[in-house]
N, C-alpha and C. Protein backbone atom coordinates (compact mmCIF):
# COMPACT_ATOMS: atom_id res chain seq x y z
N MET A 1 0.83 -1.20 0.00
CA MET A 1 0.00 0.00 0.00
C MET A 1 0.87 1.25 0.00
N ARG A 2 1.91 1.23 0.84
CA ARG A 2 2.80 2.40 0.92
C ARG A 2 3.45 2.65 -0.44
N ARG A 3 3.88 1.54 -1.12
CA ARG A 3 4.53 1.67 -2.44
C ARG A 3 3.52 2.22 -3.46
N THR A 4 2.26 1.78 -3.37
CA THR A 4 1.22 2.24 -4.30
C THR A 4 0.96 3.73 -4.14
N LEU A 5 0.87 4.21 -2.90
CA LEU A 5 0.65 5.63 -2.65
C LEU A 5 1.81 6.47 -3.16
N ARG A 6 3.03 5.94 -2.96
CA ARG A 6 4.21 6.69 -3.43
C ARG A 6 4.20 6.79 -4.95
N THR A 7 3.78 5.70 -5.63
CA THR A 7 3.72 5.71 -7.10
C THR A 7 2.69 6.73 -7.59
N LEU A 8 1.51 6.77 -6.95
CA LEU A 8 0.46 7.73 -7.33
C LEU A 8 0.94 9.16 -7.12
N ALA A 9 1.68 9.38 -6.04
CA ALA A 9 2.19 10.73 -5.76
C ALA A 9 3.16 11.17 -6.84
N LEU A 10 4.02 10.27 -7.30
CA LEU A 10 4.99 10.59 -8.35
C LEU A 10 4.28 10.89 -9.67
N ILE A 11 3.23 10.11 -10.00
CA ILE A 11 2.47 10.34 -11.24
C ILE A 11 1.78 11.69 -11.19
N THR A 12 1.16 12.01 -10.03
CA THR A 12 0.48 13.30 -9.88
C THR A 12 1.46 14.46 -10.01
N ALA A 13 2.63 14.36 -9.39
CA ALA A 13 3.65 15.42 -9.46
C ALA A 13 4.13 15.62 -10.89
N ALA A 14 4.30 14.50 -11.60
CA ALA A 14 4.75 14.60 -12.99
C ALA A 14 3.71 15.29 -13.85
N ALA A 15 2.42 14.95 -13.61
CA ALA A 15 1.34 15.56 -14.38
C ALA A 15 1.27 17.06 -14.12
N LEU A 16 1.38 17.45 -12.85
CA LEU A 16 1.35 18.88 -12.51
C LEU A 16 2.53 19.61 -13.11
N ALA A 17 3.71 18.98 -13.09
CA ALA A 17 4.90 19.60 -13.68
C ALA A 17 4.70 19.80 -15.17
N GLY A 18 4.07 18.80 -15.84
CA GLY A 18 3.82 18.93 -17.27
C GLY A 18 2.90 20.08 -17.58
N CYS A 19 1.86 20.28 -16.79
CA CYS A 19 0.93 21.39 -16.99
C CYS A 19 1.63 22.72 -16.80
N ALA A 20 2.51 22.80 -15.81
CA ALA A 20 3.21 24.05 -15.54
C ALA A 20 4.12 24.44 -16.68
N GLU A 21 4.67 23.44 -17.38
CA GLU A 21 5.61 23.72 -18.44
C GLU A 21 4.93 24.05 -19.77
N SER A 22 3.61 23.74 -19.91
CA SER A 22 2.90 24.01 -21.16
C SER A 22 2.61 25.50 -21.28
N PRO A 23 2.89 26.11 -22.42
CA PRO A 23 2.62 27.54 -22.61
C PRO A 23 1.12 27.80 -22.64
N SER A 24 0.71 28.97 -22.16
CA SER A 24 -0.71 29.31 -22.14
C SER A 24 -1.23 29.63 -23.54
N ALA A 25 -0.36 30.08 -24.44
CA ALA A 25 -0.76 30.40 -25.82
C ALA A 25 0.44 30.18 -26.72
N PRO A 26 0.20 29.82 -27.98
CA PRO A 26 1.34 29.60 -28.88
C PRO A 26 2.06 30.91 -29.17
N THR A 27 3.34 30.83 -29.32
CA THR A 27 4.13 31.99 -29.70
C THR A 27 4.84 31.67 -31.00
N ARG A 28 5.30 32.70 -31.67
CA ARG A 28 5.98 32.48 -32.95
C ARG A 28 7.29 33.23 -32.95
N SER A 29 8.17 32.80 -33.80
CA SER A 29 9.39 33.55 -34.04
C SER A 29 9.31 34.08 -35.46
N GLY A 30 9.70 35.30 -35.68
CA GLY A 30 9.63 35.87 -37.02
C GLY A 30 8.36 36.65 -37.25
N LEU A 31 7.80 36.53 -38.47
CA LEU A 31 6.70 37.37 -38.90
C LEU A 31 5.38 36.61 -38.88
N ALA A 32 4.30 37.36 -38.72
CA ALA A 32 2.96 36.80 -38.82
C ALA A 32 2.44 37.02 -40.23
N GLU A 33 1.60 36.11 -40.70
CA GLU A 33 1.03 36.22 -42.04
C GLU A 33 -0.32 36.91 -41.98
N LEU A 34 -0.49 37.92 -42.81
CA LEU A 34 -1.75 38.67 -42.89
C LEU A 34 -2.33 38.48 -44.29
N LYS A 35 -3.57 38.01 -44.35
CA LYS A 35 -4.25 37.84 -45.63
C LYS A 35 -5.58 38.57 -45.61
N GLY A 36 -5.98 39.10 -46.74
CA GLY A 36 -7.26 39.77 -46.85
C GLY A 36 -7.71 39.81 -48.29
N SER A 37 -8.88 40.39 -48.50
CA SER A 37 -9.40 40.50 -49.86
C SER A 37 -10.12 41.83 -50.03
N LEU A 38 -10.36 42.19 -51.28
CA LEU A 38 -10.93 43.49 -51.62
C LEU A 38 -12.03 43.29 -52.65
N THR A 39 -13.12 44.03 -52.50
CA THR A 39 -14.16 44.07 -53.53
C THR A 39 -14.40 45.52 -53.92
N LEU A 40 -14.80 45.74 -55.17
CA LEU A 40 -15.11 47.07 -55.68
C LEU A 40 -16.59 47.14 -56.03
N THR A 41 -17.21 48.28 -55.76
CA THR A 41 -18.63 48.46 -56.06
C THR A 41 -18.83 49.75 -56.84
N GLY A 42 -19.52 49.65 -57.97
CA GLY A 42 -19.83 50.83 -58.77
C GLY A 42 -21.32 51.03 -58.89
N VAL A 43 -21.74 52.29 -58.97
CA VAL A 43 -23.16 52.64 -59.12
C VAL A 43 -23.53 52.62 -60.59
N LEU A 44 -24.64 51.95 -60.93
CA LEU A 44 -25.12 51.88 -62.31
C LEU A 44 -26.21 52.92 -62.53
N ARG A 45 -26.17 53.59 -63.69
CA ARG A 45 -27.18 54.60 -64.03
C ARG A 45 -27.60 54.45 -65.48
N ASP A 46 -28.85 54.78 -65.77
CA ASP A 46 -29.34 54.69 -67.14
C ASP A 46 -28.98 55.95 -67.92
N ALA A 47 -29.44 56.04 -69.17
CA ALA A 47 -29.08 57.15 -70.04
C ALA A 47 -29.59 58.49 -69.53
N GLY A 48 -30.59 58.46 -68.63
CA GLY A 48 -31.10 59.71 -68.05
C GLY A 48 -30.43 60.09 -66.75
N GLY A 49 -29.48 59.24 -66.28
CA GLY A 49 -28.77 59.54 -65.04
C GLY A 49 -29.41 58.97 -63.80
N THR A 50 -30.52 58.22 -63.96
CA THR A 50 -31.21 57.63 -62.81
C THR A 50 -30.48 56.37 -62.35
N THR A 51 -30.26 56.25 -61.05
CA THR A 51 -29.59 55.08 -60.50
C THR A 51 -30.45 53.83 -60.68
N THR A 52 -29.86 52.78 -61.23
CA THR A 52 -30.59 51.55 -61.50
C THR A 52 -30.09 50.37 -60.68
N GLY A 53 -29.02 50.53 -59.95
CA GLY A 53 -28.47 49.43 -59.15
C GLY A 53 -26.99 49.60 -58.92
N SER A 54 -26.28 48.50 -58.71
CA SER A 54 -24.84 48.55 -58.48
C SER A 54 -24.22 47.31 -59.09
N ARG A 55 -22.90 47.37 -59.27
CA ARG A 55 -22.16 46.22 -59.81
C ARG A 55 -20.96 45.96 -58.92
N LEU A 56 -20.77 44.68 -58.60
CA LEU A 56 -19.67 44.27 -57.73
C LEU A 56 -18.56 43.61 -58.54
N ILE A 57 -17.32 44.02 -58.28
CA ILE A 57 -16.15 43.32 -58.80
C ILE A 57 -15.55 42.57 -57.62
N ALA A 58 -15.70 41.24 -57.63
CA ALA A 58 -15.32 40.44 -56.47
C ALA A 58 -13.82 40.14 -56.43
N GLU A 59 -13.15 40.09 -57.58
CA GLU A 59 -11.74 39.69 -57.61
C GLU A 59 -10.91 40.66 -58.46
N PRO A 60 -10.81 41.93 -58.04
CA PRO A 60 -10.06 42.90 -58.86
C PRO A 60 -8.55 42.67 -58.80
N ASP A 61 -7.90 42.71 -59.93
CA ASP A 61 -6.44 42.58 -60.01
C ASP A 61 -5.78 43.95 -60.01
N GLY A 62 -4.61 44.04 -59.39
CA GLY A 62 -3.76 45.21 -59.53
C GLY A 62 -4.13 46.42 -58.71
N VAL A 63 -5.04 46.29 -57.74
CA VAL A 63 -5.37 47.42 -56.86
C VAL A 63 -4.31 47.50 -55.77
N ARG A 64 -3.77 48.68 -55.54
CA ARG A 64 -2.69 48.86 -54.56
C ARG A 64 -3.25 48.85 -53.14
N VAL A 65 -2.63 48.04 -52.28
CA VAL A 65 -3.00 47.96 -50.86
C VAL A 65 -1.80 48.41 -50.04
N TYR A 66 -2.01 49.36 -49.13
CA TYR A 66 -0.93 49.91 -48.30
C TYR A 66 -1.05 49.42 -46.87
N LEU A 67 0.07 49.09 -46.27
CA LEU A 67 0.16 48.74 -44.85
C LEU A 67 0.86 49.90 -44.15
N LEU A 68 0.17 50.53 -43.19
CA LEU A 68 0.71 51.67 -42.48
C LEU A 68 0.93 51.35 -41.01
N SER A 69 1.93 51.99 -40.42
CA SER A 69 2.18 51.91 -38.99
C SER A 69 2.50 53.31 -38.50
N GLY A 70 1.72 53.78 -37.53
CA GLY A 70 1.91 55.14 -37.05
C GLY A 70 1.67 56.18 -38.13
N GLY A 71 0.77 55.86 -39.07
CA GLY A 71 0.45 56.79 -40.14
C GLY A 71 1.43 56.81 -41.29
N VAL A 72 2.48 55.97 -41.22
CA VAL A 72 3.51 55.92 -42.26
C VAL A 72 3.41 54.59 -43.00
N ALA A 73 3.44 54.64 -44.33
CA ALA A 73 3.38 53.42 -45.13
C ALA A 73 4.68 52.62 -44.94
N VAL A 74 4.54 51.36 -44.54
CA VAL A 74 5.71 50.51 -44.32
C VAL A 74 5.81 49.40 -45.37
N ASP A 75 4.73 49.16 -46.09
CA ASP A 75 4.76 48.12 -47.13
C ASP A 75 3.56 48.33 -48.04
N SER A 76 3.60 47.75 -49.22
CA SER A 76 2.45 47.79 -50.11
C SER A 76 2.51 46.59 -51.05
N THR A 77 1.36 46.25 -51.60
CA THR A 77 1.29 45.15 -52.54
C THR A 77 0.11 45.36 -53.46
N LEU A 78 0.01 44.56 -54.51
CA LEU A 78 -1.10 44.62 -55.45
C LEU A 78 -2.01 43.41 -55.24
N THR A 79 -3.30 43.61 -55.45
CA THR A 79 -4.22 42.49 -55.34
C THR A 79 -4.07 41.55 -56.54
N SER A 80 -4.28 40.28 -56.28
CA SER A 80 -4.35 39.26 -57.33
C SER A 80 -5.65 38.51 -57.11
N LYS A 81 -6.58 38.65 -58.05
CA LYS A 81 -7.93 38.11 -57.89
C LYS A 81 -8.56 38.60 -56.59
N GLY A 82 -8.30 39.86 -56.27
CA GLY A 82 -8.87 40.50 -55.10
C GLY A 82 -8.14 40.24 -53.80
N ALA A 83 -7.17 39.32 -53.79
CA ALA A 83 -6.50 38.94 -52.55
C ALA A 83 -5.15 39.62 -52.41
N TYR A 84 -4.72 39.83 -51.16
CA TYR A 84 -3.41 40.39 -50.87
C TYR A 84 -2.84 39.70 -49.64
N THR A 85 -1.50 39.72 -49.52
CA THR A 85 -0.81 39.07 -48.40
C THR A 85 0.32 39.96 -47.90
N PHE A 86 0.49 40.05 -46.59
CA PHE A 86 1.63 40.73 -45.97
C PHE A 86 2.25 39.81 -44.92
N MET A 87 3.56 39.94 -44.72
CA MET A 87 4.25 39.30 -43.60
C MET A 87 4.69 40.43 -42.67
N VAL A 88 4.19 40.43 -41.42
CA VAL A 88 4.36 41.61 -40.56
C VAL A 88 4.89 41.23 -39.19
N PRO A 89 5.75 42.09 -38.59
CA PRO A 89 6.19 41.91 -37.19
C PRO A 89 5.12 42.43 -36.23
N ASN A 90 5.36 42.29 -34.95
CA ASN A 90 4.42 42.80 -33.95
C ASN A 90 4.22 44.30 -34.11
N GLY A 91 3.01 44.76 -33.80
CA GLY A 91 2.74 46.19 -33.85
C GLY A 91 1.30 46.47 -34.21
N SER A 92 0.97 47.76 -34.22
CA SER A 92 -0.37 48.22 -34.61
C SER A 92 -0.30 48.72 -36.04
N TYR A 93 -1.31 48.35 -36.84
CA TYR A 93 -1.27 48.63 -38.26
C TYR A 93 -2.61 49.15 -38.77
N GLN A 94 -2.54 49.67 -39.98
CA GLN A 94 -3.72 50.15 -40.67
C GLN A 94 -3.59 49.78 -42.14
N LEU A 95 -4.70 49.36 -42.73
CA LEU A 95 -4.74 49.04 -44.16
C LEU A 95 -5.47 50.14 -44.91
N ARG A 96 -4.89 50.57 -46.03
CA ARG A 96 -5.57 51.52 -46.91
C ARG A 96 -5.46 51.03 -48.35
N MET A 97 -6.44 51.42 -49.16
CA MET A 97 -6.46 51.00 -50.55
C MET A 97 -6.31 52.20 -51.47
N ARG A 98 -5.96 51.92 -52.71
CA ARG A 98 -5.75 52.96 -53.71
C ARG A 98 -6.94 52.99 -54.66
N THR A 99 -7.57 54.14 -54.80
CA THR A 99 -8.67 54.34 -55.74
C THR A 99 -8.15 55.13 -56.92
N GLY A 100 -7.86 54.45 -58.04
CA GLY A 100 -7.20 55.18 -59.13
C GLY A 100 -5.93 55.78 -58.57
N PRO A 101 -5.70 57.08 -58.77
CA PRO A 101 -4.51 57.72 -58.20
C PRO A 101 -4.73 58.24 -56.78
N LEU A 102 -5.90 57.95 -56.20
CA LEU A 102 -6.24 58.49 -54.89
C LEU A 102 -6.22 57.41 -53.82
N THR A 103 -5.83 57.79 -52.60
CA THR A 103 -5.87 56.86 -51.48
C THR A 103 -7.26 56.87 -50.87
N HIS A 104 -7.87 55.69 -50.77
CA HIS A 104 -9.22 55.59 -50.26
C HIS A 104 -9.26 55.99 -48.79
N ALA A 105 -10.24 56.80 -48.42
CA ALA A 105 -10.30 57.34 -47.06
C ALA A 105 -10.61 56.26 -46.02
N THR A 106 -11.41 55.27 -46.38
CA THR A 106 -11.76 54.21 -45.44
C THR A 106 -10.55 53.31 -45.19
N SER A 107 -10.38 52.86 -43.95
CA SER A 107 -9.24 52.01 -43.62
C SER A 107 -9.65 50.95 -42.60
N LYS A 108 -8.77 49.98 -42.38
CA LYS A 108 -8.98 48.97 -41.36
C LYS A 108 -7.81 49.00 -40.38
N ASP A 109 -8.10 48.91 -39.08
CA ASP A 109 -7.07 48.90 -38.05
C ASP A 109 -6.99 47.51 -37.41
N PHE A 110 -5.77 47.07 -37.08
CA PHE A 110 -5.59 45.78 -36.43
C PHE A 110 -4.24 45.78 -35.72
N ALA A 111 -4.04 44.79 -34.84
CA ALA A 111 -2.79 44.66 -34.09
C ALA A 111 -2.24 43.26 -34.25
N VAL A 112 -0.91 43.15 -34.26
CA VAL A 112 -0.21 41.87 -34.35
C VAL A 112 0.62 41.70 -33.08
N THR A 113 0.44 40.58 -32.37
CA THR A 113 1.19 40.29 -31.15
C THR A 113 2.03 39.03 -31.36
N SER A 114 2.78 38.65 -30.33
CA SER A 114 3.63 37.47 -30.43
C SER A 114 2.80 36.19 -30.54
N GLN A 115 1.50 36.27 -30.20
CA GLN A 115 0.63 35.11 -30.34
C GLN A 115 -0.03 35.04 -31.73
N THR A 116 0.13 36.11 -32.53
CA THR A 116 -0.50 36.12 -33.86
C THR A 116 0.38 35.38 -34.85
N ILE A 117 -0.12 34.27 -35.31
CA ILE A 117 0.59 33.50 -36.33
C ILE A 117 0.00 33.78 -37.70
N PHE A 118 -1.33 33.84 -37.76
CA PHE A 118 -2.04 34.10 -39.01
C PHE A 118 -3.24 34.99 -38.71
N LEU A 119 -3.45 36.01 -39.54
CA LEU A 119 -4.56 36.93 -39.35
C LEU A 119 -5.30 37.08 -40.66
N GLN A 120 -6.59 36.77 -40.67
CA GLN A 120 -7.43 36.90 -41.86
C GLN A 120 -8.31 38.12 -41.69
N ILE A 121 -8.18 39.08 -42.62
CA ILE A 121 -9.00 40.28 -42.59
C ILE A 121 -10.21 40.05 -43.48
N GLU A 122 -11.40 40.36 -42.97
CA GLU A 122 -12.60 40.17 -43.77
C GLU A 122 -12.54 41.07 -45.01
N SER A 123 -13.37 40.75 -45.98
CA SER A 123 -13.35 41.47 -47.25
C SER A 123 -13.51 42.98 -47.03
N PHE A 124 -12.70 43.75 -47.73
CA PHE A 124 -12.67 45.21 -47.62
C PHE A 124 -13.46 45.79 -48.80
N PRO A 125 -14.68 46.33 -48.56
CA PRO A 125 -15.45 46.89 -49.67
C PRO A 125 -14.95 48.29 -50.04
N MET A 126 -14.81 48.55 -51.30
CA MET A 126 -14.26 49.83 -51.76
C MET A 126 -15.20 50.40 -52.84
N ALA A 127 -15.70 51.59 -52.62
CA ALA A 127 -16.63 52.22 -53.55
C ALA A 127 -16.07 53.56 -54.00
N SER A 128 -16.91 54.32 -54.70
CA SER A 128 -16.47 55.61 -55.22
C SER A 128 -16.16 56.59 -54.09
N VAL A 129 -15.35 57.58 -54.42
CA VAL A 129 -14.95 58.60 -53.45
C VAL A 129 -15.41 59.96 -53.97
N GLY A 130 -16.18 60.70 -53.16
CA GLY A 130 -16.56 62.05 -53.56
C GLY A 130 -17.92 62.12 -54.22
N GLU A 131 -18.12 63.18 -54.98
CA GLU A 131 -19.45 63.50 -55.52
C GLU A 131 -19.41 63.60 -57.04
N LEU A 132 -19.23 62.45 -57.68
CA LEU A 132 -19.31 62.36 -59.13
C LEU A 132 -20.55 61.57 -59.50
N SER A 133 -21.09 61.86 -60.69
CA SER A 133 -22.25 61.14 -61.19
C SER A 133 -22.02 60.84 -62.66
N SER A 134 -21.82 59.56 -63.00
CA SER A 134 -21.51 59.16 -64.38
C SER A 134 -22.69 58.39 -64.99
N TRP A 135 -23.00 58.69 -66.25
CA TRP A 135 -24.11 58.01 -66.94
C TRP A 135 -23.88 58.01 -68.44
N PRO A 136 -24.44 57.08 -69.22
CA PRO A 136 -24.94 55.82 -68.68
C PRO A 136 -23.78 54.98 -68.17
N ASN A 137 -24.02 54.24 -67.15
CA ASN A 137 -22.98 53.38 -66.56
C ASN A 137 -23.59 52.02 -66.27
N PRO A 138 -23.24 51.00 -67.07
CA PRO A 138 -22.14 50.94 -68.04
C PRO A 138 -22.44 51.73 -69.31
N PHE A 139 -21.36 52.02 -70.07
CA PHE A 139 -21.52 52.74 -71.33
C PHE A 139 -20.81 51.99 -72.44
N VAL A 140 -21.14 52.36 -73.69
CA VAL A 140 -20.54 51.72 -74.85
C VAL A 140 -19.60 52.68 -75.58
N SER A 141 -20.11 53.84 -75.94
CA SER A 141 -19.30 54.77 -76.75
C SER A 141 -19.12 56.15 -76.13
N LEU A 142 -19.97 56.55 -75.19
CA LEU A 142 -19.84 57.87 -74.58
C LEU A 142 -20.33 57.85 -73.14
N LEU A 143 -19.46 58.28 -72.24
CA LEU A 143 -19.79 58.40 -70.82
C LEU A 143 -19.81 59.87 -70.44
N ASN A 144 -20.85 60.30 -69.74
CA ASN A 144 -20.93 61.66 -69.22
C ASN A 144 -20.73 61.63 -67.71
N THR A 145 -19.94 62.56 -67.21
CA THR A 145 -19.71 62.64 -65.76
C THR A 145 -19.93 64.07 -65.29
N ARG A 146 -20.75 64.21 -64.26
CA ARG A 146 -21.06 65.53 -63.70
C ARG A 146 -20.33 65.71 -62.38
N PHE A 147 -19.79 66.91 -62.16
CA PHE A 147 -19.24 67.28 -60.86
C PHE A 147 -19.61 68.73 -60.60
N ALA A 148 -19.69 69.10 -59.34
CA ALA A 148 -20.08 70.46 -58.96
C ALA A 148 -19.03 71.03 -58.02
N LEU A 149 -18.68 72.29 -58.25
CA LEU A 149 -17.67 72.96 -57.45
C LEU A 149 -18.30 74.05 -56.58
N ALA A 150 -17.89 74.09 -55.33
CA ALA A 150 -18.31 75.17 -54.43
C ALA A 150 -17.35 76.34 -54.53
N THR A 151 -16.14 76.06 -55.06
CA THR A 151 -15.11 77.10 -55.22
C THR A 151 -14.50 76.99 -56.61
N ALA A 152 -14.38 78.10 -57.28
CA ALA A 152 -13.77 78.09 -58.61
C ALA A 152 -12.29 77.76 -58.51
N GLY A 153 -11.76 77.12 -59.56
CA GLY A 153 -10.34 76.78 -59.55
C GLY A 153 -9.97 75.85 -60.68
N THR A 154 -8.73 75.42 -60.67
CA THR A 154 -8.21 74.54 -61.71
C THR A 154 -8.54 73.09 -61.37
N VAL A 155 -9.05 72.36 -62.36
CA VAL A 155 -9.44 70.97 -62.17
C VAL A 155 -8.74 70.10 -63.22
N ALA A 156 -8.14 69.01 -62.76
CA ALA A 156 -7.56 68.00 -63.65
C ALA A 156 -8.51 66.81 -63.71
N ILE A 157 -8.70 66.26 -64.92
CA ILE A 157 -9.68 65.19 -65.11
C ILE A 157 -9.01 64.06 -65.91
N GLY A 158 -9.16 62.85 -65.43
CA GLY A 158 -8.55 61.72 -66.14
C GLY A 158 -9.25 60.42 -65.86
N VAL A 159 -8.87 59.40 -66.65
CA VAL A 159 -9.40 58.05 -66.50
C VAL A 159 -8.23 57.11 -66.23
N TYR A 160 -8.39 56.23 -65.22
CA TYR A 160 -7.33 55.31 -64.80
C TYR A 160 -7.88 53.89 -64.75
N ASP A 161 -7.00 52.91 -65.02
CA ASP A 161 -7.44 51.52 -64.84
C ASP A 161 -7.30 51.14 -63.38
N LEU A 162 -7.70 49.92 -63.03
CA LEU A 162 -7.70 49.50 -61.63
C LEU A 162 -6.31 49.41 -61.04
N ALA A 163 -5.29 49.25 -61.91
CA ALA A 163 -3.90 49.18 -61.45
C ALA A 163 -3.24 50.55 -61.37
N ASN A 164 -4.06 51.62 -61.44
CA ASN A 164 -3.58 52.99 -61.30
C ASN A 164 -2.76 53.47 -62.49
N GLN A 165 -2.96 52.88 -63.66
CA GLN A 165 -2.30 53.35 -64.87
C GLN A 165 -3.25 54.32 -65.59
N ARG A 166 -2.72 55.49 -65.94
CA ARG A 166 -3.58 56.48 -66.60
C ARG A 166 -3.91 56.01 -68.01
N VAL A 167 -5.17 56.02 -68.33
CA VAL A 167 -5.65 55.59 -69.64
C VAL A 167 -5.92 56.80 -70.54
N ARG A 168 -6.51 57.84 -69.96
CA ARG A 168 -6.86 59.02 -70.76
C ARG A 168 -6.79 60.28 -69.91
N THR A 169 -6.12 61.29 -70.44
CA THR A 169 -6.13 62.63 -69.82
C THR A 169 -7.20 63.43 -70.52
N LEU A 170 -8.28 63.72 -69.83
CA LEU A 170 -9.37 64.50 -70.42
C LEU A 170 -9.14 65.99 -70.24
N ASP A 171 -8.47 66.35 -69.17
CA ASP A 171 -8.12 67.76 -68.94
C ASP A 171 -6.92 67.79 -67.99
N ALA A 172 -5.80 68.30 -68.47
CA ALA A 172 -4.59 68.34 -67.66
C ALA A 172 -4.67 69.41 -66.58
N GLY A 173 -5.65 70.31 -66.69
CA GLY A 173 -5.82 71.36 -65.69
C GLY A 173 -6.35 72.64 -66.31
N SER A 174 -7.65 72.85 -66.22
CA SER A 174 -8.28 74.05 -66.75
C SER A 174 -9.08 74.71 -65.65
N SER A 175 -9.43 76.00 -65.88
CA SER A 175 -10.18 76.76 -64.90
C SER A 175 -11.67 76.46 -65.01
N TYR A 176 -12.30 76.12 -63.88
CA TYR A 176 -13.73 75.85 -63.82
C TYR A 176 -14.36 76.75 -62.78
N GLY A 177 -15.54 77.25 -63.10
CA GLY A 177 -16.23 78.13 -62.17
C GLY A 177 -17.08 77.37 -61.18
N VAL A 178 -17.68 78.11 -60.25
CA VAL A 178 -18.58 77.53 -59.27
C VAL A 178 -19.81 76.96 -59.97
N GLY A 179 -20.26 75.79 -59.53
CA GLY A 179 -21.46 75.19 -60.10
C GLY A 179 -21.19 73.84 -60.72
N SER A 180 -22.15 73.39 -61.52
CA SER A 180 -22.13 72.05 -62.09
C SER A 180 -21.46 72.03 -63.46
N HIS A 181 -20.70 70.96 -63.71
CA HIS A 181 -19.99 70.79 -64.98
C HIS A 181 -20.12 69.34 -65.43
N VAL A 182 -20.18 69.13 -66.75
CA VAL A 182 -20.28 67.79 -67.31
C VAL A 182 -19.13 67.57 -68.28
N VAL A 183 -18.45 66.44 -68.13
CA VAL A 183 -17.32 66.08 -68.99
C VAL A 183 -17.62 64.73 -69.63
N GLY A 184 -17.31 64.59 -70.92
CA GLY A 184 -17.56 63.34 -71.62
C GLY A 184 -16.28 62.56 -71.87
N TRP A 185 -16.39 61.24 -71.91
CA TRP A 185 -15.29 60.35 -72.30
C TRP A 185 -15.80 59.42 -73.38
N ASP A 186 -15.09 59.38 -74.50
CA ASP A 186 -15.51 58.57 -75.64
C ASP A 186 -14.99 57.13 -75.58
N GLY A 187 -14.42 56.75 -74.46
CA GLY A 187 -13.96 55.38 -74.29
C GLY A 187 -12.62 55.08 -74.94
N LYS A 188 -11.90 56.14 -75.38
CA LYS A 188 -10.60 55.94 -76.02
C LYS A 188 -9.47 56.33 -75.08
N ASP A 189 -8.27 55.80 -75.38
CA ASP A 189 -7.10 56.11 -74.56
C ASP A 189 -6.36 57.32 -75.11
N ASP A 190 -5.21 57.62 -74.53
CA ASP A 190 -4.45 58.81 -74.96
C ASP A 190 -3.89 58.67 -76.37
N ALA A 191 -3.83 57.43 -76.89
CA ALA A 191 -3.38 57.21 -78.27
C ALA A 191 -4.55 57.23 -79.24
N ASN A 192 -5.72 57.63 -78.75
CA ASN A 192 -6.95 57.70 -79.55
C ASN A 192 -7.41 56.32 -80.03
N GLN A 193 -7.04 55.29 -79.27
CA GLN A 193 -7.47 53.93 -79.56
C GLN A 193 -8.53 53.51 -78.53
N PRO A 194 -9.49 52.66 -78.94
CA PRO A 194 -10.50 52.22 -77.98
C PRO A 194 -9.87 51.52 -76.77
N ALA A 195 -10.20 51.95 -75.58
CA ALA A 195 -9.71 51.29 -74.38
C ALA A 195 -10.39 49.93 -74.25
N PRO A 196 -9.70 48.94 -73.68
CA PRO A 196 -10.33 47.62 -73.51
C PRO A 196 -11.60 47.72 -72.67
N ASP A 197 -12.55 46.85 -72.94
CA ASP A 197 -13.75 46.81 -72.12
C ASP A 197 -13.37 46.42 -70.69
N GLY A 198 -14.06 46.99 -69.72
CA GLY A 198 -13.75 46.68 -68.33
C GLY A 198 -14.07 47.84 -67.41
N ALA A 199 -13.51 47.81 -66.20
CA ALA A 199 -13.78 48.82 -65.18
C ALA A 199 -12.66 49.85 -65.13
N TYR A 200 -13.04 51.11 -64.89
CA TYR A 200 -12.08 52.22 -64.83
C TYR A 200 -12.50 53.18 -63.72
N TRP A 201 -11.52 53.97 -63.27
CA TRP A 201 -11.80 55.05 -62.33
C TRP A 201 -11.82 56.36 -63.11
N PHE A 202 -12.94 57.08 -63.02
CA PHE A 202 -13.04 58.43 -63.57
C PHE A 202 -12.70 59.38 -62.43
N VAL A 203 -11.68 60.22 -62.61
CA VAL A 203 -11.11 60.99 -61.50
C VAL A 203 -11.11 62.48 -61.81
N THR A 204 -11.53 63.29 -60.84
CA THR A 204 -11.38 64.74 -60.91
C THR A 204 -10.63 65.22 -59.67
N SER A 205 -9.69 66.12 -59.87
CA SER A 205 -8.91 66.68 -58.76
C SER A 205 -8.88 68.19 -58.92
N GLY A 206 -9.34 68.89 -57.89
CA GLY A 206 -9.40 70.35 -58.00
C GLY A 206 -9.49 71.01 -56.65
N PRO A 207 -10.04 72.23 -56.59
CA PRO A 207 -10.08 72.99 -55.33
C PRO A 207 -10.89 72.27 -54.26
N GLY A 208 -10.21 71.82 -53.23
CA GLY A 208 -10.89 71.20 -52.10
C GLY A 208 -11.44 69.82 -52.35
N HIS A 209 -11.06 69.16 -53.45
CA HIS A 209 -11.61 67.83 -53.66
C HIS A 209 -10.68 66.94 -54.48
N ASN A 210 -10.78 65.64 -54.21
CA ASN A 210 -10.18 64.59 -55.04
C ASN A 210 -11.24 63.48 -55.10
N TRP A 211 -11.88 63.33 -56.26
CA TRP A 211 -13.01 62.43 -56.38
C TRP A 211 -12.73 61.36 -57.43
N ALA A 212 -13.33 60.19 -57.24
CA ALA A 212 -13.18 59.10 -58.20
C ALA A 212 -14.45 58.26 -58.21
N GLU A 213 -14.89 57.88 -59.40
CA GLU A 213 -16.06 57.01 -59.53
C GLU A 213 -15.73 55.84 -60.43
N LEU A 214 -16.23 54.66 -60.05
CA LEU A 214 -16.00 53.45 -60.81
C LEU A 214 -16.99 53.41 -61.98
N VAL A 215 -16.45 53.27 -63.20
CA VAL A 215 -17.31 53.22 -64.40
C VAL A 215 -16.97 51.96 -65.19
N PHE A 216 -17.92 51.50 -66.01
CA PHE A 216 -17.79 50.25 -66.73
C PHE A 216 -17.98 50.48 -68.23
N LYS A 217 -16.98 50.07 -69.01
CA LYS A 217 -17.05 50.15 -70.47
C LYS A 217 -17.38 48.76 -71.01
N GLU A 218 -18.40 48.70 -71.89
CA GLU A 218 -18.87 47.43 -72.44
C GLU A 218 -18.83 47.45 -73.96
N PRO A 219 -18.86 46.27 -74.60
CA PRO A 219 -18.84 46.21 -76.07
C PRO A 219 -20.04 46.90 -76.70
C-alpha cells in the first residue's frame, strides 16, 4: 500500500509539472502572415442619369493595398484576384487601398502580437470617393460625368485603370467656375485607340476635392 501511494504521488507530481511547463498560448518567431481580400462596387445609371443598381467586382487585379504603422506606409502590394498578403512583425497597423490615383479614405485597423501567427482580414469593400455622377454606366461609346464645385479653380480630369495606370487625360488642368460641370469620355485612350472593355476610375482633382467614380465600359 505504501509503495502504491508513493507511485500515485509521483504520477500526480509529474502531471502537474507537465501542466506548468505548457505555454498558455502559442508563440511564434519571425513574422505573422496577414491575408485579406478586396471588392469594388460601382453605381449603375441609365441614359437619363437615374440610379438603376450597383455592380460588384469580387476579384479585382492590380489594386494597390498599403500597410501603415503610425500613419507611415511601411509596405504595399497589389491584389491578385482580389486577394493580398503581408508578412508583418508585432505592432499596430492600418490598411488603406488605392482608388485610381487616390488613397481611399476608409481604412482597417488591427494589431499583431507574439501570439499572432495568421490573421485573416474580412473582405474590404471599396466604392467611389466624392461626388461624381456618371451616366450611362455601363456605357458603350460615350460616358458623361457631372461634378459640382463650391469654389472656382483649376481641375484636372482623367481616366485610370484598376492598377492605377492612366488611360486618358481629359483635362490636364483648366479653370472651372462655381457650379455644375459635365465632362464626356468617348472610351478611347491617350493614343486615340478604344480602351479595352472593363472597369475604370473616372477621377477629378481640383479645389478642395479629389473624387473618383468606378465606371464600366462594355462592347
